[in-house]
Amino acid sequence: MATKLLRPLASKQDSLGKRVRLARTAQGLTQQQLAALVYITQSSISDIEKDISEPRWTLMLNIIRVLKCEIDYFL
């Protein structure tokens, strides 16, 4: 049985950081838990969610995998 991918409610103008936060909270994860699952620090997740920094695509693909979202949700 295929895993159903999550698509949290977001608007077109939402930033990448906001979409990461929406997807993370929809999965019931804290920043610390997500950070541990993708092997970065909690402060790095915080910076991504605040749009202070943008993740490399390799990291973003790991975040997408962990959060079980469709790739186009973040585009």
Protein backbone atom coordinates (compact mmCIF):
# COMPACT_ATOMS: atom_id res chain seq x y z
CA MET A 1 0.00 0.00 0.00
CA ALA A 2 1.42 3.38 -1.00
CA THR A 3 2.00 6.04 1.63
CA LYS A 4 -0.34 8.99 1.28
CA LEU A 5 1.62 12.21 0.92
CA LEU A 6 0.70 15.14 3.11
CA ARG A 7 -0.37 18.46 1.61
CA PRO A 8 -0.81 21.02 4.42
CA LEU A 9 -2.95 24.04 3.60
CA ALA A 10 -0.79 26.84 2.23
CA SER A 11 -1.40 29.79 -0.02
CA LYS A 12 0.55 30.63 -3.17
CA GLN A 13 2.32 33.55 -1.47
CA ASP A 14 3.56 31.50 1.50
CA SER A 15 7.33 31.40 1.72
CA LEU A 16 9.39 28.22 1.70
CA GLY A 17 10.02 28.67 5.41
CA LYS A 18 6.32 28.95 6.21
CA ARG A 19 5.59 25.85 4.16
CA VAL A 20 8.27 23.91 6.03
CA ARG A 21 6.75 25.04 9.34
CA LEU A 22 3.21 24.12 8.24
CA ALA A 23 4.32 20.67 7.07
CA ARG A 24 6.39 20.08 10.22
CA THR A 25 3.56 20.98 12.57
CA ALA A 26 1.07 18.94 10.49
CA GLN A 27 3.31 15.92 11.16
CA GLY A 28 3.38 16.77 14.86
CA LEU A 29 7.14 17.33 14.92
CA THR A 30 9.10 19.90 16.86
CA GLN A 31 11.98 21.77 15.24
CA GLN A 32 14.34 19.65 17.35
CA GLN A 33 12.77 16.39 16.15
CA LEU A 34 12.87 17.41 12.48
CA ALA A 35 16.45 18.58 12.85
CA ALA A 36 17.49 15.23 14.30
CA LEU A 37 15.75 13.34 11.49
CA VAL A 38 17.58 15.33 8.78
CA TYR A 39 20.90 15.58 10.67
CA ILE A 40 21.09 19.33 11.18
CA THR A 41 20.71 21.63 14.18
CA GLN A 42 17.46 22.99 15.56
CA SER A 43 18.73 26.51 14.91
CA SER A 44 19.16 25.62 11.22
CA ILE A 45 15.51 24.53 11.03
CA SER A 46 14.54 27.75 12.79
CA ASP A 47 16.55 29.80 10.25
CA ILE A 48 14.84 27.98 7.36
CA GLU A 49 11.38 28.56 8.83
CA LYS A 50 12.14 32.26 9.42
CA ASP A 51 13.45 32.57 5.83
CA ILE A 52 16.85 33.60 7.14
CA SER A 53 18.49 30.84 5.13
CA GLU A 54 17.48 28.55 2.27
CA PRO A 55 18.43 24.89 2.46
CA ARG A 56 20.52 23.18 -0.21
CA TRP A 57 18.43 20.94 -2.46
CA THR A 58 19.91 17.78 -0.93
CA LEU A 59 18.75 18.93 2.51
CA MET A 60 15.39 20.04 1.14
CA LEU A 61 14.84 16.60 -0.40
CA ASN A 62 15.53 15.02 3.00
CA ILE A 63 13.08 17.41 4.66
CA ILE A 64 10.44 16.57 2.04
CA ARG A 65 11.01 12.84 2.58
CA VAL A 66 10.72 13.13 6.38
CA LEU A 67 7.66 15.39 6.22
CA LYS A 68 6.00 13.10 3.63
CA CYS A 69 5.03 15.97 1.35
CA GLU A 70 4.84 16.27 -2.39
CA ILE A 71 7.81 18.09 -3.90
CA ASP A 72 5.61 20.62 -5.68
CA TYR A 73 4.17 21.74 -2.32
CA PHE A 74 7.48 23.56 -1.75
CA LEU A 75 7.81 25.09 -5.22
